[in-house]
Amino acid sequence: MAYYKMPDQQWLWNVFQRVDTDRSDAINANELQSALSNGTWKPFNPETVRLMIGMFDKDNSGTINFEEFAQLWRYVNDWLNCFRSFDRDNSGSIDQNELKQALTTFGYRLTDQFYNILMRKFDRETKGSINFDDFIQLCVQLQSLTSAFRVHDQDMDGWINISYEQFLTLVFNVCVK
């Protein structure tokens, strides 16, 4: 597996300037989406782009500055290396078996029924596999939900007892931003 080497600052600044089409010294979701490729020559899923902007937008401006862009660049490339390591057949997408291998490696123990749900939700092209951008979205959402669950799982046994409203609060705080 080829590991990503962070480009020099000047090269990354040139990329940032090309992406910042309105010359605002900040990149919005539309600009970022046009700059990212999911490996299929189609733009990134808009929801994944919004999720990533939200993760790196430290001042809550709805945009990312150069420093935040550099962090996002590293993050996307780390995910790309991860994605490629599980794309065993080099198809450019992750099928259900490859997804199961990835999530098992990450420590998740999930049923085949749950993997079917994940495939239905994140296989946007209904081709039996998940593109790179959707893989990022799936992993980030799964991690966010797991972290929110663990807040309530005091004894770490995989079970929580919460009210319906607590459940809705947990899900909406994680998935609806």
N, C-alpha and C. Protein backbone atom coordinates (compact mmCIF):
# COMPACT_ATOMS: atom_id res chain seq x y z
N MET A 1 0.84 -1.18 0.00
CA MET A 1 0.00 0.00 0.00
C MET A 1 0.89 1.24 0.00
N ALA A 2 0.59 2.19 -0.85
CA ALA A 2 1.34 3.44 -0.91
C ALA A 2 0.77 4.39 0.14
N TYR A 3 1.63 4.92 0.97
CA TYR A 3 1.18 5.85 1.98
C TYR A 3 1.32 7.27 1.49
N TYR A 4 0.40 8.08 1.93
CA TYR A 4 0.32 9.47 1.52
C TYR A 4 1.41 10.29 2.21
N LYS A 5 2.09 11.11 1.47
CA LYS A 5 3.05 12.06 2.01
C LYS A 5 2.45 13.46 1.86
N MET A 6 2.40 14.17 2.97
CA MET A 6 1.82 15.51 2.96
C MET A 6 2.60 16.40 1.99
N PRO A 7 1.90 17.08 1.07
CA PRO A 7 2.59 17.97 0.12
C PRO A 7 3.14 19.19 0.85
N ASP A 8 4.05 19.88 0.17
CA ASP A 8 4.58 21.08 0.81
C ASP A 8 3.50 22.16 0.84
N GLN A 9 3.71 23.13 1.73
CA GLN A 9 2.71 24.18 1.96
C GLN A 9 2.42 25.00 0.70
N GLN A 10 3.44 25.29 -0.10
CA GLN A 10 3.22 26.09 -1.30
C GLN A 10 2.32 25.35 -2.29
N TRP A 11 2.57 24.06 -2.47
CA TRP A 11 1.74 23.27 -3.38
C TRP A 11 0.30 23.25 -2.89
N LEU A 12 0.12 23.06 -1.57
CA LEU A 12 -1.22 23.01 -1.00
C LEU A 12 -1.89 24.39 -1.09
N TRP A 13 -1.11 25.47 -0.91
CA TRP A 13 -1.66 26.82 -1.05
C TRP A 13 -2.16 27.05 -2.47
N ASN A 14 -1.40 26.56 -3.46
CA ASN A 14 -1.83 26.69 -4.85
C ASN A 14 -3.13 25.93 -5.09
N VAL A 15 -3.26 24.75 -4.52
CA VAL A 15 -4.52 23.99 -4.63
C VAL A 15 -5.65 24.78 -3.99
N PHE A 16 -5.41 25.30 -2.78
CA PHE A 16 -6.42 26.08 -2.07
C PHE A 16 -6.90 27.25 -2.92
N GLN A 17 -5.95 27.97 -3.52
CA GLN A 17 -6.32 29.13 -4.34
C GLN A 17 -7.13 28.73 -5.57
N ARG A 18 -6.81 27.58 -6.17
CA ARG A 18 -7.60 27.11 -7.32
C ARG A 18 -9.02 26.73 -6.90
N VAL A 19 -9.16 26.16 -5.71
CA VAL A 19 -10.47 25.74 -5.21
C VAL A 19 -11.30 26.96 -4.78
N ASP A 20 -10.66 27.98 -4.23
CA ASP A 20 -11.32 29.20 -3.75
C ASP A 20 -11.68 30.08 -4.95
N THR A 21 -12.68 29.66 -5.70
CA THR A 21 -13.02 30.33 -6.96
C THR A 21 -13.54 31.75 -6.77
N ASP A 22 -14.15 32.04 -5.62
CA ASP A 22 -14.67 33.40 -5.40
C ASP A 22 -13.64 34.32 -4.73
N ARG A 23 -12.43 33.81 -4.51
CA ARG A 23 -11.31 34.57 -3.95
C ARG A 23 -11.64 35.18 -2.57
N SER A 24 -12.36 34.44 -1.75
CA SER A 24 -12.76 34.91 -0.42
C SER A 24 -11.77 34.51 0.67
N ASP A 25 -10.72 33.79 0.28
CA ASP A 25 -9.76 33.22 1.24
C ASP A 25 -10.41 32.21 2.17
N ALA A 26 -11.52 31.64 1.71
CA ALA A 26 -12.21 30.58 2.43
C ALA A 26 -12.93 29.71 1.40
N ILE A 27 -13.07 28.45 1.73
CA ILE A 27 -13.71 27.51 0.81
C ILE A 27 -15.05 27.09 1.39
N ASN A 28 -16.10 27.24 0.57
CA ASN A 28 -17.42 26.80 1.01
C ASN A 28 -17.68 25.37 0.50
N ALA A 29 -18.80 24.82 0.86
CA ALA A 29 -19.11 23.43 0.50
C ALA A 29 -19.16 23.22 -1.01
N ASN A 30 -19.71 24.18 -1.75
CA ASN A 30 -19.78 24.03 -3.21
C ASN A 30 -18.40 24.02 -3.84
N GLU A 31 -17.53 24.89 -3.37
CA GLU A 31 -16.16 24.94 -3.90
C GLU A 31 -15.42 23.65 -3.56
N LEU A 32 -15.58 23.17 -2.33
CA LEU A 32 -14.90 21.94 -1.94
C LEU A 32 -15.43 20.75 -2.73
N GLN A 33 -16.73 20.69 -2.91
CA GLN A 33 -17.31 19.58 -3.67
C GLN A 33 -16.75 19.52 -5.09
N SER A 34 -16.58 20.67 -5.71
CA SER A 34 -16.08 20.68 -7.08
C SER A 34 -14.61 20.26 -7.15
N ALA A 35 -13.91 20.36 -6.02
CA ALA A 35 -12.48 20.04 -6.01
C ALA A 35 -12.20 18.59 -5.67
N LEU A 36 -13.15 17.90 -5.06
CA LEU A 36 -12.93 16.53 -4.61
C LEU A 36 -13.52 15.53 -5.60
N SER A 37 -12.84 14.42 -5.76
CA SER A 37 -13.32 13.35 -6.64
C SER A 37 -13.45 12.09 -5.82
N ASN A 38 -14.52 11.34 -6.06
CA ASN A 38 -14.72 10.10 -5.31
C ASN A 38 -14.13 8.90 -6.05
N GLY A 39 -13.39 9.16 -7.10
CA GLY A 39 -12.78 8.07 -7.85
C GLY A 39 -13.61 7.60 -9.02
N THR A 40 -14.80 8.19 -9.19
CA THR A 40 -15.68 7.78 -10.29
C THR A 40 -15.89 8.94 -11.27
N TRP A 41 -15.09 9.97 -11.16
CA TRP A 41 -15.21 11.17 -11.98
C TRP A 41 -16.49 11.93 -11.72
N LYS A 42 -17.10 11.64 -10.59
CA LYS A 42 -18.29 12.38 -10.16
C LYS A 42 -17.91 13.15 -8.90
N PRO A 43 -18.57 14.28 -8.65
CA PRO A 43 -18.24 15.04 -7.44
C PRO A 43 -18.61 14.26 -6.18
N PHE A 44 -17.97 14.63 -5.08
CA PHE A 44 -18.28 14.03 -3.79
C PHE A 44 -19.75 14.22 -3.48
N ASN A 45 -20.29 13.29 -2.73
CA ASN A 45 -21.65 13.38 -2.20
C ASN A 45 -21.76 14.69 -1.40
N PRO A 46 -22.75 15.54 -1.70
CA PRO A 46 -22.88 16.83 -0.99
C PRO A 46 -22.98 16.66 0.53
N GLU A 47 -23.62 15.59 0.98
CA GLU A 47 -23.74 15.36 2.43
C GLU A 47 -22.37 15.08 3.05
N THR A 48 -21.52 14.34 2.36
CA THR A 48 -20.17 14.07 2.86
C THR A 48 -19.37 15.37 2.92
N VAL A 49 -19.51 16.22 1.92
CA VAL A 49 -18.81 17.50 1.89
C VAL A 49 -19.26 18.37 3.07
N ARG A 50 -20.57 18.45 3.30
CA ARG A 50 -21.08 19.25 4.42
C ARG A 50 -20.56 18.70 5.75
N LEU A 51 -20.53 17.38 5.87
CA LEU A 51 -20.03 16.74 7.08
C LEU A 51 -18.57 17.12 7.32
N MET A 52 -17.77 17.08 6.26
CA MET A 52 -16.34 17.41 6.41
C MET A 52 -16.14 18.89 6.70
N ILE A 53 -16.88 19.76 6.05
CA ILE A 53 -16.78 21.20 6.36
C ILE A 53 -17.10 21.40 7.84
N GLY A 54 -18.16 20.76 8.30
CA GLY A 54 -18.55 20.89 9.71
C GLY A 54 -17.47 20.40 10.66
N MET A 55 -16.75 19.36 10.27
CA MET A 55 -15.70 18.81 11.13
C MET A 55 -14.49 19.74 11.24
N PHE A 56 -14.18 20.47 10.18
CA PHE A 56 -12.95 21.27 10.14
C PHE A 56 -13.19 22.77 10.27
N ASP A 57 -14.43 23.20 10.23
CA ASP A 57 -14.78 24.62 10.34
C ASP A 57 -14.79 25.02 11.81
N LYS A 58 -13.63 25.41 12.32
CA LYS A 58 -13.48 25.68 13.76
C LYS A 58 -14.20 26.94 14.23
N ASP A 59 -14.40 27.91 13.34
CA ASP A 59 -15.06 29.15 13.75
C ASP A 59 -16.55 29.18 13.37
N ASN A 60 -17.06 28.04 12.90
CA ASN A 60 -18.48 27.91 12.54
C ASN A 60 -18.94 28.93 11.51
N SER A 61 -18.07 29.24 10.56
CA SER A 61 -18.40 30.22 9.52
C SER A 61 -19.10 29.57 8.32
N GLY A 62 -19.10 28.24 8.28
CA GLY A 62 -19.67 27.54 7.12
C GLY A 62 -18.65 27.37 6.00
N THR A 63 -17.42 27.83 6.25
CA THR A 63 -16.34 27.72 5.28
C THR A 63 -15.09 27.25 6.03
N ILE A 64 -14.07 26.88 5.23
CA ILE A 64 -12.79 26.52 5.85
C ILE A 64 -11.69 27.41 5.28
N ASN A 65 -10.81 27.85 6.17
CA ASN A 65 -9.68 28.67 5.75
C ASN A 65 -8.54 27.75 5.31
N PHE A 66 -7.40 28.32 4.99
CA PHE A 66 -6.29 27.51 4.49
C PHE A 66 -5.81 26.48 5.51
N GLU A 67 -5.67 26.89 6.76
CA GLU A 67 -5.21 25.96 7.79
C GLU A 67 -6.19 24.79 7.94
N GLU A 68 -7.47 25.11 7.97
CA GLU A 68 -8.49 24.06 8.08
C GLU A 68 -8.49 23.17 6.83
N PHE A 69 -8.26 23.79 5.67
CA PHE A 69 -8.18 23.04 4.42
C PHE A 69 -7.01 22.05 4.45
N ALA A 70 -5.88 22.47 4.98
CA ALA A 70 -4.71 21.59 5.07
C ALA A 70 -5.02 20.39 5.96
N GLN A 71 -5.73 20.62 7.06
CA GLN A 71 -6.12 19.52 7.94
C GLN A 71 -7.11 18.59 7.23
N LEU A 72 -8.07 19.18 6.51
CA LEU A 72 -9.04 18.38 5.77
C LEU A 72 -8.34 17.57 4.67
N TRP A 73 -7.37 18.16 4.00
CA TRP A 73 -6.63 17.49 2.94
C TRP A 73 -5.95 16.22 3.48
N ARG A 74 -5.30 16.38 4.64
CA ARG A 74 -4.64 15.24 5.28
C ARG A 74 -5.68 14.18 5.65
N TYR A 75 -6.79 14.62 6.21
CA TYR A 75 -7.86 13.72 6.63
C TYR A 75 -8.39 12.90 5.45
N VAL A 76 -8.68 13.57 4.34
CA VAL A 76 -9.20 12.88 3.16
C VAL A 76 -8.18 11.88 2.62
N ASN A 77 -6.93 12.28 2.60
CA ASN A 77 -5.90 11.37 2.10
C ASN A 77 -5.66 10.19 3.03
N ASP A 78 -5.80 10.40 4.34
CA ASP A 78 -5.72 9.27 5.27
C ASP A 78 -6.86 8.29 5.00
N TRP A 79 -8.05 8.82 4.76
CA TRP A 79 -9.19 7.95 4.45
C TRP A 79 -8.98 7.25 3.11
N LEU A 80 -8.39 7.95 2.16
CA LEU A 80 -8.13 7.33 0.86
C LEU A 80 -7.18 6.14 0.99
N ASN A 81 -6.13 6.29 1.77
CA ASN A 81 -5.22 5.17 2.00
C ASN A 81 -5.94 4.02 2.69
N CYS A 82 -6.77 4.33 3.65
CA CYS A 82 -7.55 3.30 4.34
C CYS A 82 -8.49 2.60 3.35
N PHE A 83 -9.21 3.39 2.58
CA PHE A 83 -10.16 2.86 1.60
C PHE A 83 -9.46 1.92 0.62
N ARG A 84 -8.35 2.36 0.10
CA ARG A 84 -7.61 1.55 -0.88
C ARG A 84 -7.12 0.24 -0.27
N SER A 85 -6.79 0.26 1.02
CA SER A 85 -6.30 -0.97 1.66
C SER A 85 -7.40 -2.01 1.79
N PHE A 86 -8.65 -1.60 1.81
CA PHE A 86 -9.76 -2.55 1.92
C PHE A 86 -10.42 -2.84 0.57
N ASP A 87 -10.12 -2.05 -0.44
CA ASP A 87 -10.62 -2.30 -1.80
C ASP A 87 -9.73 -3.38 -2.43
N ARG A 88 -9.93 -4.60 -1.99
CA ARG A 88 -9.04 -5.72 -2.33
C ARG A 88 -8.97 -5.99 -3.83
N ASP A 89 -10.08 -5.77 -4.53
CA ASP A 89 -10.09 -6.06 -5.97
C ASP A 89 -9.75 -4.82 -6.81
N ASN A 90 -9.38 -3.72 -6.14
CA ASN A 90 -9.02 -2.48 -6.84
C ASN A 90 -10.11 -1.98 -7.79
N SER A 91 -11.36 -2.18 -7.39
CA SER A 91 -12.48 -1.77 -8.23
C SER A 91 -12.79 -0.28 -8.10
N GLY A 92 -12.24 0.37 -7.08
CA GLY A 92 -12.55 1.78 -6.84
C GLY A 92 -13.75 1.96 -5.94
N SER A 93 -14.30 0.86 -5.47
CA SER A 93 -15.40 0.92 -4.52
C SER A 93 -15.28 -0.28 -3.57
N ILE A 94 -16.04 -0.21 -2.49
CA ILE A 94 -15.99 -1.24 -1.44
C ILE A 94 -17.29 -2.04 -1.51
N ASP A 95 -17.17 -3.35 -1.72
CA ASP A 95 -18.38 -4.18 -1.70
C ASP A 95 -18.69 -4.58 -0.25
N GLN A 96 -19.76 -5.33 -0.05
CA GLN A 96 -20.20 -5.65 1.31
C GLN A 96 -19.15 -6.46 2.07
N ASN A 97 -18.49 -7.40 1.42
CA ASN A 97 -17.45 -8.19 2.10
C ASN A 97 -16.26 -7.32 2.50
N GLU A 98 -15.86 -6.42 1.60
CA GLU A 98 -14.75 -5.51 1.90
C GLU A 98 -15.14 -4.55 3.03
N LEU A 99 -16.39 -4.09 3.02
CA LEU A 99 -16.88 -3.21 4.09
C LEU A 99 -16.86 -3.95 5.42
N LYS A 100 -17.32 -5.19 5.42
CA LYS A 100 -17.32 -5.98 6.65
C LYS A 100 -15.89 -6.15 7.16
N GLN A 101 -14.94 -6.41 6.28
CA GLN A 101 -13.54 -6.53 6.67
C GLN A 101 -13.04 -5.23 7.28
N ALA A 102 -13.36 -4.10 6.65
CA ALA A 102 -12.92 -2.79 7.14
C ALA A 102 -13.48 -2.53 8.54
N LEU A 103 -14.79 -2.66 8.69
CA LEU A 103 -15.41 -2.32 9.97
C LEU A 103 -15.01 -3.30 11.07
N THR A 104 -14.79 -4.56 10.72
CA THR A 104 -14.29 -5.53 11.70
C THR A 104 -12.89 -5.13 12.15
N THR A 105 -12.07 -4.70 11.21
CA THR A 105 -10.72 -4.23 11.54
C THR A 105 -10.79 -3.02 12.47
N PHE A 106 -11.80 -2.17 12.29
CA PHE A 106 -11.98 -0.99 13.14
C PHE A 106 -12.54 -1.35 14.52
N GLY A 107 -12.94 -2.62 14.70
CA GLY A 107 -13.43 -3.07 16.00
C GLY A 107 -14.93 -3.28 16.11
N TYR A 108 -15.64 -3.09 15.01
CA TYR A 108 -17.09 -3.28 15.04
C TYR A 108 -17.43 -4.75 14.81
N ARG A 109 -18.40 -5.25 15.56
CA ARG A 109 -18.92 -6.61 15.40
C ARG A 109 -20.40 -6.47 15.10
N LEU A 110 -20.75 -6.52 13.83
CA LEU A 110 -22.11 -6.24 13.39
C LEU A 110 -22.67 -7.43 12.63
N THR A 111 -23.99 -7.53 12.60
CA THR A 111 -24.64 -8.65 11.92
C THR A 111 -24.69 -8.41 10.41
N ASP A 112 -24.88 -9.49 9.67
CA ASP A 112 -25.05 -9.37 8.22
C ASP A 112 -26.27 -8.51 7.89
N GLN A 113 -27.31 -8.59 8.71
CA GLN A 113 -28.51 -7.77 8.48
C GLN A 113 -28.16 -6.29 8.57
N PHE A 114 -27.28 -5.93 9.51
CA PHE A 114 -26.90 -4.53 9.63
C PHE A 114 -26.05 -4.09 8.44
N TYR A 115 -25.19 -4.99 7.96
CA TYR A 115 -24.40 -4.65 6.76
C TYR A 115 -25.33 -4.45 5.56
N ASN A 116 -26.41 -5.20 5.49
CA ASN A 116 -27.39 -4.98 4.42
C ASN A 116 -27.99 -3.58 4.51
N ILE A 117 -28.27 -3.13 5.73
CA ILE A 117 -28.81 -1.78 5.94
C ILE A 117 -27.78 -0.74 5.49
N LEU A 118 -26.53 -0.93 5.90
CA LEU A 118 -25.48 0.01 5.50
C LEU A 118 -25.35 0.08 3.98
N MET A 119 -25.40 -1.07 3.33
CA MET A 119 -25.30 -1.08 1.87
C MET A 119 -26.47 -0.34 1.23
N ARG A 120 -27.68 -0.55 1.74
CA ARG A 120 -28.85 0.15 1.18
C ARG A 120 -28.71 1.66 1.37
N LYS A 121 -28.18 2.08 2.50
CA LYS A 121 -28.08 3.52 2.78
C LYS A 121 -26.93 4.19 2.03
N PHE A 122 -25.78 3.52 1.92
CA PHE A 122 -24.59 4.19 1.41
C PHE A 122 -24.19 3.78 -0.01
N ASP A 123 -24.84 2.81 -0.60
CA ASP A 123 -24.62 2.45 -2.00
C ASP A 123 -25.58 3.29 -2.83
N ARG A 124 -25.22 4.56 -3.04
CA ARG A 124 -26.13 5.51 -3.70
C ARG A 124 -26.44 5.14 -5.14
N GLU A 125 -25.53 4.40 -5.78
CA GLU A 125 -25.74 4.04 -7.19
C GLU A 125 -26.34 2.64 -7.33
N THR A 126 -26.70 2.03 -6.23
CA THR A 126 -27.26 0.66 -6.18
C THR A 126 -26.52 -0.30 -7.12
N LYS A 127 -25.18 -0.33 -6.95
CA LYS A 127 -24.36 -1.20 -7.78
C LYS A 127 -23.73 -2.32 -6.97
N GLY A 128 -24.09 -2.40 -5.68
CA GLY A 128 -23.55 -3.45 -4.83
C GLY A 128 -22.23 -3.07 -4.18
N SER A 129 -21.87 -1.78 -4.23
CA SER A 129 -20.64 -1.33 -3.60
C SER A 129 -20.75 0.15 -3.24
N ILE A 130 -19.83 0.58 -2.39
CA ILE A 130 -19.86 1.93 -1.85
C ILE A 130 -18.65 2.71 -2.37
N ASN A 131 -18.89 3.91 -2.90
CA ASN A 131 -17.82 4.78 -3.38
C ASN A 131 -17.04 5.38 -2.21
N PHE A 132 -15.90 5.94 -2.52
CA PHE A 132 -14.99 6.49 -1.52
C PHE A 132 -15.67 7.53 -0.63
N ASP A 133 -16.35 8.51 -1.22
CA ASP A 133 -16.96 9.57 -0.42
C ASP A 133 -18.04 9.04 0.50
N ASP A 134 -18.80 8.06 0.03
CA ASP A 134 -19.84 7.47 0.87
C ASP A 134 -19.23 6.61 1.98
N PHE A 135 -18.07 6.02 1.72
CA PHE A 135 -17.34 5.27 2.74
C PHE A 135 -16.92 6.20 3.87
N ILE A 136 -16.41 7.38 3.52
CA ILE A 136 -16.05 8.37 4.55
C ILE A 136 -17.27 8.72 5.37
N GLN A 137 -18.37 9.02 4.70
CA GLN A 137 -19.59 9.41 5.41
C GLN A 137 -20.06 8.30 6.33
N LEU A 138 -20.08 7.08 5.85
CA LEU A 138 -20.50 5.93 6.65
C LEU A 138 -19.62 5.81 7.90
N CYS A 139 -18.31 5.86 7.73
CA CYS A 139 -17.39 5.68 8.86
C CYS A 139 -17.50 6.81 9.87
N VAL A 140 -17.62 8.04 9.40
CA VAL A 140 -17.73 9.18 10.30
C VAL A 140 -19.04 9.11 11.08
N GLN A 141 -20.14 8.79 10.40
CA GLN A 141 -21.41 8.69 11.09
C GLN A 141 -21.41 7.54 12.09
N LEU A 142 -20.84 6.42 11.71
CA LEU A 142 -20.78 5.27 12.61
C LEU A 142 -19.95 5.61 13.85
N GLN A 143 -18.82 6.27 13.65
CA GLN A 143 -17.98 6.68 14.78
C GLN A 143 -18.70 7.69 15.67
N SER A 144 -19.39 8.64 15.07
CA SER A 144 -20.11 9.65 15.85
C SER A 144 -21.23 9.02 16.67
N LEU A 145 -21.98 8.11 16.05
CA LEU A 145 -23.05 7.42 16.77
C LEU A 145 -22.48 6.55 17.88
N THR A 146 -21.37 5.88 17.62
CA THR A 146 -20.72 5.04 18.63
C THR A 146 -20.28 5.89 19.82
N SER A 147 -19.67 7.03 19.54
CA SER A 147 -19.24 7.92 20.63
C SER A 147 -20.42 8.40 21.46
N ALA A 148 -21.51 8.76 20.79
CA ALA A 148 -22.71 9.22 21.50
C ALA A 148 -23.31 8.08 22.33
N PHE A 149 -23.29 6.87 21.80
CA PHE A 149 -23.80 5.70 22.53
C PHE A 149 -22.97 5.46 23.78
N ARG A 150 -21.65 5.56 23.63
CA ARG A 150 -20.75 5.26 24.76
C ARG A 150 -20.94 6.21 25.93
N VAL A 151 -21.41 7.42 25.66
CA VAL A 151 -21.69 8.35 26.76
C VAL A 151 -22.73 7.75 27.70
N HIS A 152 -23.68 6.99 27.15
CA HIS A 152 -24.75 6.39 27.95
C HIS A 152 -24.42 4.97 28.41
N ASP A 153 -23.42 4.36 27.82
CA ASP A 153 -23.04 2.98 28.14
C ASP A 153 -21.98 3.00 29.24
N GLN A 154 -22.41 3.35 30.46
CA GLN A 154 -21.48 3.56 31.58
C GLN A 154 -20.64 2.33 31.90
N ASP A 155 -21.23 1.15 31.82
CA ASP A 155 -20.49 -0.07 32.17
C ASP A 155 -19.87 -0.76 30.95
N MET A 156 -19.97 -0.12 29.78
CA MET A 156 -19.34 -0.60 28.54
C MET A 156 -19.74 -2.04 28.19
N ASP A 157 -21.02 -2.36 28.38
CA ASP A 157 -21.47 -3.71 28.05
C ASP A 157 -22.24 -3.78 26.73
N GLY A 158 -22.34 -2.64 26.05
CA GLY A 158 -23.04 -2.62 24.77
C GLY A 158 -24.54 -2.44 24.89
N TRP A 159 -25.01 -2.10 26.07
CA TRP A 159 -26.44 -1.89 26.30
C TRP A 159 -26.64 -0.56 27.02
N ILE A 160 -27.70 0.17 26.61
CA ILE A 160 -28.05 1.40 27.31
C ILE A 160 -29.55 1.40 27.58
N ASN A 161 -29.95 2.15 28.58
CA ASN A 161 -31.36 2.31 28.92
C ASN A 161 -31.65 3.80 28.90
N ILE A 162 -32.28 4.26 27.82
CA ILE A 162 -32.58 5.68 27.67
C ILE A 162 -34.04 5.84 27.24
N SER A 163 -34.55 7.02 27.48
CA SER A 163 -35.93 7.33 27.06
C SER A 163 -35.96 7.57 25.55
N TYR A 164 -37.15 7.58 25.01
CA TYR A 164 -37.32 7.85 23.59
C TYR A 164 -36.76 9.22 23.22
N GLU A 165 -37.04 10.22 24.06
CA GLU A 165 -36.54 11.56 23.78
C GLU A 165 -35.02 11.61 23.87
N GLN A 166 -34.42 10.89 24.82
CA GLN A 166 -32.96 10.83 24.89
C GLN A 166 -32.39 10.19 23.62
N PHE A 167 -33.06 9.15 23.14
CA PHE A 167 -32.63 8.49 21.90
C PHE A 167 -32.70 9.47 20.72
N LEU A 168 -33.83 10.17 20.60
CA LEU A 168 -33.97 11.15 19.51
C LEU A 168 -32.91 12.25 19.63
N THR A 169 -32.67 12.72 20.83
CA THR A 169 -31.65 13.75 21.05
C THR A 169 -30.29 13.24 20.60
N LEU A 170 -29.96 12.02 20.99
CA LEU A 170 -28.68 11.41 20.62
C LEU A 170 -28.55 11.37 19.09
N VAL A 171 -29.55 10.84 18.40
CA VAL A 171 -29.49 10.68 16.95
C VAL A 171 -29.48 12.03 16.24
N PHE A 172 -30.34 12.93 16.66
CA PHE A 172 -30.40 14.24 15.98
C PHE A 172 -29.14 15.07 16.22
N ASN A 173 -28.54 14.96 17.40
CA ASN A 173 -27.29 15.67 17.65
C ASN A 173 -26.15 15.14 16.79
N VAL A 174 -26.20 13.87 16.45
CA VAL A 174 -25.14 13.26 15.65
C VAL A 174 -25.41 13.38 14.16
N CYS A 175 -26.62 13.05 13.74
CA CYS A 175 -26.91 12.88 12.31
C CYS A 175 -27.55 14.08 11.64
N VAL A 176 -28.16 14.95 12.38
CA VAL A 176 -28.87 16.06 11.77
C VAL A 176 -28.20 17.35 12.22
N LYS A 177 -27.42 17.94 11.33
CA LYS A 177 -26.71 19.17 11.69
C LYS A 177 -27.03 20.24 10.69
